[in-house]
């Protein structure tokens, strides 16, 4: 039987501002919930249209969405992490 060592993956990042690299766009925001089929970003979630250099402290073009929550389907997520 496998031994579970703490929370991993998306669950380990709840409460942190993360970036989701998805099929068409990148999204960034505070990861608030990981549900069965989607995740919830809050705290002024943004869609990133242009990253610029990853060594820069901010995205070149990130637009804050008009509401304070965004659900992203987990099936669209290619990778994720704490970025900027």
PDB file of N, CA and C in Angstrom:
ATOM      1  N   UNK A   1       0.842  -1.172   0.000  1.00  0.00           N
ATOM      2  CA  UNK A   1       0.000   0.000   0.000  1.00  0.00           C
ATOM      3  C   UNK A   1       0.898   1.250   0.000  1.00  0.00           C
ATOM      4  N   UNK A   2       0.610   2.183  -0.921  1.00  0.00           N
ATOM      5  CA  UNK A   2       1.399   3.409  -1.022  1.00  0.00           C
ATOM      6  C   UNK A   2       1.125   4.320   0.163  1.00  0.00           C
ATOM      7  N   UNK A   3       2.161   4.972   0.612  1.00  0.00           N
ATOM      8  CA  UNK A   3       2.046   5.892   1.741  1.00  0.00           C
ATOM      9  C   UNK A   3       1.901   7.323   1.208  1.00  0.00           C
ATOM     10  N   UNK A   4       0.890   8.061   1.657  1.00  0.00           N
ATOM     11  CA  UNK A   4       0.678   9.441   1.240  1.00  0.00           C
ATOM     12  C   UNK A   4       1.477  10.369   2.145  1.00  0.00           C
ATOM     13  N   UNK A   5       2.250  11.258   1.517  1.00  0.00           N
ATOM     14  CA  UNK A   5       3.071  12.199   2.273  1.00  0.00           C
ATOM     15  C   UNK A   5       2.566  13.606   1.986  1.00  0.00           C
ATOM     16  N   UNK A   6       1.668  14.112   2.806  1.00  0.00           N
ATOM     17  CA  UNK A   6       1.164  15.473   2.651  1.00  0.00           C
ATOM     18  C   UNK A   6       0.407  15.680   1.348  1.00  0.00           C
ATOM     19  N   UNK A   7       0.036  16.917   1.120  1.00  0.00           N
ATOM     20  CA  UNK A   7      -0.686  17.281  -0.093  1.00  0.00           C
ATOM     21  C   UNK A   7       0.314  17.507  -1.221  1.00  0.00           C
ATOM     22  N   UNK A   8      -0.079  17.127  -2.417  1.00  0.00           N
ATOM     23  CA  UNK A   8       0.776  17.256  -3.590  1.00  0.00           C
ATOM     24  C   UNK A   8       0.009  17.913  -4.723  1.00  0.00           C
ATOM     25  N   UNK A   9       0.725  18.280  -5.752  1.00  0.00           N
ATOM     26  CA  UNK A   9       0.111  18.844  -6.942  1.00  0.00           C
ATOM     27  C   UNK A   9      -0.629  20.136  -6.649  1.00  0.00           C
ATOM     28  N   UNK A  10      -1.739  20.329  -7.322  1.00  0.00           N
ATOM     29  CA  UNK A  10      -2.524  21.549  -7.148  1.00  0.00           C
ATOM     30  C   UNK A  10      -2.950  21.757  -5.702  1.00  0.00           C
ATOM     31  N   UNK A  11      -3.283  20.688  -5.009  1.00  0.00           N
ATOM     32  CA  UNK A  11      -3.727  20.812  -3.614  1.00  0.00           C
ATOM     33  C   UNK A  11      -2.656  21.459  -2.731  1.00  0.00           C
ATOM     34  N   UNK A  12      -1.392  21.245  -3.041  1.00  0.00           N
ATOM     35  CA  UNK A  12      -0.317  21.824  -2.226  1.00  0.00           C
ATOM     36  C   UNK A  12      -0.167  23.323  -2.450  1.00  0.00           C
ATOM     37  N   UNK A  13      -0.802  23.851  -3.488  1.00  0.00           N
ATOM     38  CA  UNK A  13      -0.665  25.274  -3.823  1.00  0.00           C
ATOM     39  C   UNK A  13      -1.895  26.102  -3.433  1.00  0.00           C
ATOM     40  N   UNK A  14      -2.872  25.513  -2.794  1.00  0.00           N
ATOM     41  CA  UNK A  14      -4.065  26.269  -2.379  1.00  0.00           C
ATOM     42  C   UNK A  14      -3.635  27.415  -1.462  1.00  0.00           C
ATOM     43  N   UNK A  15      -4.146  28.606  -1.770  1.00  0.00           N
ATOM     44  CA  UNK A  15      -3.813  29.807  -1.012  1.00  0.00           C
ATOM     45  C   UNK A  15      -2.683  30.607  -1.614  1.00  0.00           C
ATOM     46  N   UNK A  16      -2.016  30.064  -2.632  1.00  0.00           N
ATOM     47  CA  UNK A  16      -0.908  30.767  -3.281  1.00  0.00           C
ATOM     48  C   UNK A  16      -1.341  31.310  -4.631  1.00  0.00           C
ATOM     49  N   UNK A  17      -0.659  32.361  -5.079  1.00  0.00           N
ATOM     50  CA  UNK A  17      -0.903  32.906  -6.409  1.00  0.00           C
ATOM     51  C   UNK A  17      -0.125  32.048  -7.399  1.00  0.00           C
ATOM     52  N   UNK A  18      -0.843  31.422  -8.314  1.00  0.00           N
ATOM     53  CA  UNK A  18      -0.219  30.500  -9.251  1.00  0.00           C
ATOM     54  C   UNK A  18      -0.521  30.902 -10.688  1.00  0.00           C
ATOM     55  N   UNK A  19       0.168  30.273 -11.618  1.00  0.00           N
ATOM     56  CA  UNK A  19      -0.110  30.424 -13.039  1.00  0.00           C
ATOM     57  C   UNK A  19      -0.457  29.061 -13.600  1.00  0.00           C
ATOM     58  N   UNK A  20      -1.522  29.014 -14.386  1.00  0.00           N
ATOM     59  CA  UNK A  20      -1.940  27.803 -15.076  1.00  0.00           C
ATOM     60  C   UNK A  20      -1.608  27.958 -16.555  1.00  0.00           C
ATOM     61  N   UNK A  21      -0.808  27.071 -17.075  1.00  0.00           N
ATOM     62  CA  UNK A  21      -0.502  27.043 -18.501  1.00  0.00           C
ATOM     63  C   UNK A  21      -1.507  26.093 -19.138  1.00  0.00           C
ATOM     64  N   UNK A  22      -2.433  26.660 -19.925  1.00  0.00           N
ATOM     65  CA  UNK A  22      -3.534  25.871 -20.477  1.00  0.00           C
ATOM     66  C   UNK A  22      -3.409  25.748 -21.990  1.00  0.00           C
ATOM     67  N   UNK A  23      -4.338  25.024 -22.585  1.00  0.00           N
ATOM     68  CA  UNK A  23      -4.291  24.749 -24.016  1.00  0.00           C
ATOM     69  C   UNK A  23      -4.233  26.007 -24.871  1.00  0.00           C
ATOM     70  N   UNK A  24      -5.010  27.030 -24.528  1.00  0.00           N
ATOM     71  CA  UNK A  24      -5.045  28.243 -25.343  1.00  0.00           C
ATOM     72  C   UNK A  24      -4.459  29.470 -24.657  1.00  0.00           C
ATOM     73  N   UNK A  25      -4.618  29.600 -23.363  1.00  0.00           N
ATOM     74  CA  UNK A  25      -4.193  30.788 -22.643  1.00  0.00           C
ATOM     75  C   UNK A  25      -3.485  30.407 -21.356  1.00  0.00           C
ATOM     76  N   UNK A  26      -2.884  31.388 -20.735  1.00  0.00           N
ATOM     77  CA  UNK A  26      -2.333  31.237 -19.381  1.00  0.00           C
ATOM     78  C   UNK A  26      -3.246  32.033 -18.463  1.00  0.00           C
ATOM     79  N   UNK A  27      -3.468  31.525 -17.264  1.00  0.00           N
ATOM     80  CA  UNK A  27      -4.285  32.207 -16.267  1.00  0.00           C
ATOM     81  C   UNK A  27      -3.483  32.295 -14.981  1.00  0.00           C
ATOM     82  N   UNK A  28      -3.668  33.378 -14.251  1.00  0.00           N
ATOM     83  CA  UNK A  28      -2.973  33.543 -12.986  1.00  0.00           C
ATOM     84  C   UNK A  28      -3.940  34.102 -11.951  1.00  0.00           C
ATOM     85  N   UNK A  29      -3.763  33.698 -10.722  1.00  0.00           N
ATOM     86  CA  UNK A  29      -4.623  34.148  -9.632  1.00  0.00           C
ATOM     87  C   UNK A  29      -4.347  33.311  -8.398  1.00  0.00           C
ATOM     88  N   UNK A  30      -5.042  33.630  -7.333  1.00  0.00           N
ATOM     89  CA  UNK A  30      -4.907  32.873  -6.087  1.00  0.00           C
ATOM     90  C   UNK A  30      -5.720  31.591  -6.200  1.00  0.00           C
ATOM     91  N   UNK A  31      -5.057  30.453  -6.044  1.00  0.00           N
ATOM     92  CA  UNK A  31      -5.755  29.177  -6.104  1.00  0.00           C
ATOM     93  C   UNK A  31      -6.548  29.000  -4.817  1.00  0.00           C
ATOM     94  N   UNK A  32      -7.867  28.992  -4.952  1.00  0.00           N
ATOM     95  CA  UNK A  32      -8.758  28.934  -3.802  1.00  0.00           C
ATOM     96  C   UNK A  32      -9.350  27.546  -3.594  1.00  0.00           C
ATOM     97  N   UNK A  33      -9.601  26.833  -4.681  1.00  0.00           N
ATOM     98  CA  UNK A  33     -10.211  25.508  -4.561  1.00  0.00           C
ATOM     99  C   UNK A  33      -9.791  24.617  -5.715  1.00  0.00           C
ATOM    100  N   UNK A  34      -9.665  23.333  -5.412  1.00  0.00           N
ATOM    101  CA  UNK A  34      -9.441  22.302  -6.420  1.00  0.00           C
ATOM    102  C   UNK A  34     -10.631  21.354  -6.334  1.00  0.00           C
ATOM    103  N   UNK A  35     -11.464  21.405  -7.359  1.00  0.00           N
ATOM    104  CA  UNK A  35     -12.677  20.598  -7.397  1.00  0.00           C
ATOM    105  C   UNK A  35     -12.461  19.384  -8.296  1.00  0.00           C
ATOM    106  N   UNK A  36     -13.475  18.557  -8.460  1.00  0.00           N
ATOM    107  CA  UNK A  36     -13.328  17.340  -9.265  1.00  0.00           C
ATOM    108  C   UNK A  36     -12.902  17.633 -10.697  1.00  0.00           C
ATOM    109  N   UNK A  37     -13.554  18.601 -11.343  1.00  0.00           N
ATOM    110  CA  UNK A  37     -13.267  18.849 -12.751  1.00  0.00           C
ATOM    111  C   UNK A  37     -12.701  20.231 -13.057  1.00  0.00           C
ATOM    112  N   UNK A  38     -12.570  21.086 -12.052  1.00  0.00           N
ATOM    113  CA  UNK A  38     -12.056  22.429 -12.293  1.00  0.00           C
ATOM    114  C   UNK A  38     -11.335  22.966 -11.065  1.00  0.00           C
ATOM    115  N   UNK A  39     -10.659  24.094 -11.262  1.00  0.00           N
ATOM    116  CA  UNK A  39     -10.018  24.798 -10.153  1.00  0.00           C
ATOM    117  C   UNK A  39     -10.581  26.212 -10.107  1.00  0.00           C
ATOM    118  N   UNK A  40     -10.514  26.845  -8.951  1.00  0.00           N
ATOM    119  CA  UNK A  40     -11.030  28.197  -8.768  1.00  0.00           C
ATOM    120  C   UNK A  40      -9.883  29.140  -8.479  1.00  0.00           C
ATOM    121  N   UNK A  41      -9.747  30.170  -9.330  1.00  0.00           N
ATOM    122  CA  UNK A  41      -8.790  31.246  -9.102  1.00  0.00           C
ATOM    123  C   UNK A  41      -9.555  32.475  -8.633  1.00  0.00           C
ATOM    124  N   UNK A  42      -9.026  33.159  -7.611  1.00  0.00           N
ATOM    125  CA  UNK A  42      -9.649  34.379  -7.091  1.00  0.00           C
ATOM    126  C   UNK A  42      -8.574  35.450  -6.910  1.00  0.00           C
ATOM    127  N   UNK A  43      -8.937  36.535  -6.217  1.00  0.00           N
ATOM    128  CA  UNK A  43      -8.011  37.631  -5.908  1.00  0.00           C
ATOM    129  C   UNK A  43      -7.476  38.285  -7.177  1.00  0.00           C
ATOM    130  N   UNK A  44      -8.407  38.847  -7.945  1.00  0.00           N
ATOM    131  CA  UNK A  44      -8.094  39.531  -9.197  1.00  0.00           C
ATOM    132  C   UNK A  44      -7.419  38.591 -10.207  1.00  0.00           C
ATOM    133  N   UNK A  45      -8.109  37.520 -10.587  1.00  0.00           N
ATOM    134  CA  UNK A  45      -7.528  36.603 -11.570  1.00  0.00           C
ATOM    135  C   UNK A  45      -7.278  37.317 -12.896  1.00  0.00           C
ATOM    136  N   UNK A  46      -6.262  36.864 -13.603  1.00  0.00           N
ATOM    137  CA  UNK A  46      -5.871  37.488 -14.864  1.00  0.00           C
ATOM    138  C   UNK A  46      -5.712  36.439 -15.957  1.00  0.00           C
ATOM    139  N   UNK A  47      -5.922  36.890 -17.188  1.00  0.00           N
ATOM    140  CA  UNK A  47      -5.576  36.098 -18.354  1.00  0.00           C
ATOM    141  C   UNK A  47      -4.311  36.724 -18.930  1.00  0.00           C
ATOM    142  N   UNK A  48      -3.337  35.907 -19.227  1.00  0.00           N
ATOM    143  CA  UNK A  48      -2.045  36.395 -19.717  1.00  0.00           C
ATOM    144  C   UNK A  48      -2.030  36.240 -21.233  1.00  0.00           C
ATOM    145  N   UNK A  49      -1.962  37.374 -21.932  1.00  0.00           N
ATOM    146  CA  UNK A  49      -1.925  37.354 -23.391  1.00  0.00           C
ATOM    147  C   UNK A  49      -0.501  37.350 -23.917  1.00  0.00           C
ATOM    148  N   UNK A  50       0.414  37.951 -23.159  1.00  0.00           N
ATOM    149  CA  UNK A  50       1.822  37.993 -23.576  1.00  0.00           C
ATOM    150  C   UNK A  50       2.694  37.908 -22.336  1.00  0.00           C
ATOM    151  N   UNK A  51       3.584  36.932 -22.304  1.00  0.00           N
ATOM    152  CA  UNK A  51       4.405  36.726 -21.113  1.00  0.00           C
ATOM    153  C   UNK A  51       5.587  37.672 -21.034  1.00  0.00           C
ATOM    154  N   UNK A  52       6.219  37.964 -22.172  1.00  0.00           N
ATOM    155  CA  UNK A  52       7.499  38.654 -22.126  1.00  0.00           C
ATOM    156  C   UNK A  52       8.541  37.665 -21.608  1.00  0.00           C
ATOM    157  N   UNK A  53       9.680  38.167 -21.201  1.00  0.00           N
ATOM    158  CA  UNK A  53      10.746  37.303 -20.686  1.00  0.00           C
ATOM    159  C   UNK A  53      10.342  36.739 -19.321  1.00  0.00           C
ATOM    160  N   UNK A  54      10.549  35.457 -19.111  1.00  0.00           N
ATOM    161  CA  UNK A  54      10.196  34.848 -17.836  1.00  0.00           C
ATOM    162  C   UNK A  54      11.076  35.372 -16.704  1.00  0.00           C
ATOM    163  N   UNK A  55      12.198  35.990 -17.029  1.00  0.00           N
ATOM    164  CA  UNK A  55      13.075  36.565 -15.999  1.00  0.00           C
ATOM    165  C   UNK A  55      12.572  37.918 -15.488  1.00  0.00           C
ATOM    166  N   UNK A  56      11.585  38.502 -16.164  1.00  0.00           N
ATOM    167  CA  UNK A  56      11.023  39.783 -15.742  1.00  0.00           C
ATOM    168  C   UNK A  56      10.047  39.576 -14.579  1.00  0.00           C
ATOM    169  N   UNK A  57       9.899  40.580 -13.709  1.00  0.00           N
ATOM    170  CA  UNK A  57       9.043  40.420 -12.525  1.00  0.00           C
ATOM    171  C   UNK A  57       7.539  40.414 -12.809  1.00  0.00           C
ATOM    172  N   UNK A  58       7.110  40.830 -14.001  1.00  0.00           N
ATOM    173  CA  UNK A  58       5.677  40.884 -14.316  1.00  0.00           C
ATOM    174  C   UNK A  58       5.458  40.437 -15.757  1.00  0.00           C
ATOM    175  N   UNK A  59       4.232  40.008 -16.039  1.00  0.00           N
ATOM    176  CA  UNK A  59       3.878  39.630 -17.401  1.00  0.00           C
ATOM    177  C   UNK A  59       3.812  40.870 -18.282  1.00  0.00           C
ATOM    178  N   UNK A  60       4.112  40.735 -19.567  1.00  0.00           N
ATOM    179  CA  UNK A  60       4.040  41.863 -20.497  1.00  0.00           C
ATOM    180  C   UNK A  60       2.614  42.346 -20.694  1.00  0.00           C
ATOM    181  N   UNK A  61       1.673  41.413 -20.823  1.00  0.00           N
ATOM    182  CA  UNK A  61       0.270  41.785 -21.007  1.00  0.00           C
ATOM    183  C   UNK A  61      -0.611  40.791 -20.273  1.00  0.00           C
ATOM    184  N   UNK A  62      -1.023  41.145 -19.070  1.00  0.00           N
ATOM    185  CA  UNK A  62      -1.939  40.331 -18.276  1.00  0.00           C
ATOM    186  C   UNK A  62      -3.147  41.197 -17.944  1.00  0.00           C
ATOM    187  N   UNK A  63      -4.317  40.752 -18.347  1.00  0.00           N
ATOM    188  CA  UNK A  63      -5.538  41.524 -18.158  1.00  0.00           C
ATOM    189  C   UNK A  63      -6.334  40.977 -16.980  1.00  0.00           C
ATOM    190  N   UNK A  64      -6.628  41.856 -16.023  1.00  0.00           N
ATOM    191  CA  UNK A  64      -7.451  41.469 -14.883  1.00  0.00           C
ATOM    192  C   UNK A  64      -8.880  41.267 -15.355  1.00  0.00           C
ATOM    193  N   UNK A  65      -9.471  40.167 -14.953  1.00  0.00           N
ATOM    194  CA  UNK A  65     -10.837  39.861 -15.363  1.00  0.00           C
ATOM    195  C   UNK A  65     -11.843  40.704 -14.576  1.00  0.00           C
ATOM    196  N   UNK A  66     -13.032  40.950 -15.123  1.00  0.00           N
ATOM    197  CA  UNK A  66     -13.985  41.858 -14.488  1.00  0.00           C
ATOM    198  C   UNK A  66     -14.642  41.330 -13.218  1.00  0.00           C
ATOM    199  N   UNK A  67     -14.527  40.047 -12.933  1.00  0.00           N
ATOM    200  CA  UNK A  67     -15.091  39.518 -11.692  1.00  0.00           C
ATOM    201  C   UNK A  67     -13.958  38.930 -10.852  1.00  0.00           C
ATOM    202  N   UNK A  68     -14.241  38.594  -9.620  1.00  0.00           N
ATOM    203  CA  UNK A  68     -13.178  38.159  -8.721  1.00  0.00           C
ATOM    204  C   UNK A  68     -13.010  36.646  -8.647  1.00  0.00           C
ATOM    205  N   UNK A  69     -13.595  35.927  -9.574  1.00  0.00           N
ATOM    206  CA  UNK A  69     -13.392  34.479  -9.570  1.00  0.00           C
ATOM    207  C   UNK A  69     -13.401  33.950 -10.988  1.00  0.00           C
ATOM    208  N   UNK A  70     -12.600  32.923 -11.199  1.00  0.00           N
ATOM    209  CA  UNK A  70     -12.512  32.282 -12.505  1.00  0.00           C
ATOM    210  C   UNK A  70     -12.341  30.785 -12.289  1.00  0.00           C
ATOM    211  N   UNK A  71     -13.208  30.014 -12.917  1.00  0.00           N
ATOM    212  CA  UNK A  71     -13.090  28.557 -12.884  1.00  0.00           C
ATOM    213  C   UNK A  71     -12.371  28.115 -14.159  1.00  0.00           C
ATOM    214  N   UNK A  72     -11.382  27.251 -14.007  1.00  0.00           N
ATOM    215  CA  UNK A  72     -10.634  26.717 -15.141  1.00  0.00           C
ATOM    216  C   UNK A  72     -10.761  25.200 -15.113  1.00  0.00           C
ATOM    217  N   UNK A  73     -11.118  24.627 -16.241  1.00  0.00           N
ATOM    218  CA  UNK A  73     -11.263  23.177 -16.328  1.00  0.00           C
ATOM    219  C   UNK A  73      -9.901  22.498 -16.180  1.00  0.00           C
ATOM    220  N   UNK A  74      -9.825  21.505 -15.327  1.00  0.00           N
ATOM    221  CA  UNK A  74      -8.571  20.788 -15.115  1.00  0.00           C
ATOM    222  C   UNK A  74      -8.104  20.085 -16.384  1.00  0.00           C
ATOM    223  N   UNK A  75      -9.019  19.692 -17.243  1.00  0.00           N
ATOM    224  CA  UNK A  75      -8.661  19.000 -18.486  1.00  0.00           C
ATOM    225  C   UNK A  75      -7.892  19.910 -19.452  1.00  0.00           C
ATOM    226  N   UNK A  76      -7.979  21.232 -19.271  1.00  0.00           N
ATOM    227  CA  UNK A  76      -7.272  22.170 -20.135  1.00  0.00           C
ATOM    228  C   UNK A  76      -5.881  22.525 -19.602  1.00  0.00           C
ATOM    229  N   UNK A  77      -5.575  22.173 -18.371  1.00  0.00           N
ATOM    230  CA  UNK A  77      -4.304  22.558 -17.752  1.00  0.00           C
ATOM    231  C   UNK A  77      -3.188  21.645 -18.244  1.00  0.00           C
ATOM    232  N   UNK A  78      -2.140  22.259 -18.796  1.00  0.00           N
ATOM    233  CA  UNK A  78      -0.969  21.509 -19.240  1.00  0.00           C
ATOM    234  C   UNK A  78       0.105  21.473 -18.148  1.00  0.00           C
ATOM    235  N   UNK A  79       0.282  22.589 -17.467  1.00  0.00           N
ATOM    236  CA  UNK A  79       1.238  22.662 -16.362  1.00  0.00           C
ATOM    237  C   UNK A  79       0.856  23.836 -15.466  1.00  0.00           C
ATOM    238  N   UNK A  80       1.474  23.912 -14.280  1.00  0.00           N
ATOM    239  CA  UNK A  80       1.104  24.946 -13.328  1.00  0.00           C
ATOM    240  C   UNK A  80       2.231  25.149 -12.336  1.00  0.00           C
ATOM    241  N   UNK A  81       2.184  26.307 -11.662  1.00  0.00           N
ATOM    242  CA  UNK A  81       3.170  26.569 -10.625  1.00  0.00           C
ATOM    243  C   UNK A  81       3.118  28.002 -10.153  1.00  0.00           C
ATOM    244  N   UNK A  82       3.922  28.298  -9.142  1.00  0.00           N
ATOM    245  CA  UNK A  82       4.076  29.657  -8.655  1.00  0.00           C
ATOM    246  C   UNK A  82       5.097  30.319  -9.553  1.00  0.00           C
ATOM    247  N   UNK A  83       4.673  31.382 -10.264  1.00  0.00           N
ATOM    248  CA  UNK A  83       5.559  31.989 -11.261  1.00  0.00           C
ATOM    249  C   UNK A  83       5.969  33.415 -10.894  1.00  0.00           C
ATOM    250  N   UNK A  84       4.994  34.330 -10.871  1.00  0.00           N
ATOM    251  CA  UNK A  84       5.303  35.747 -10.679  1.00  0.00           C
ATOM    252  C   UNK A  84       4.369  36.335  -9.671  1.00  0.00           C
TER     253      UNK A  84
END
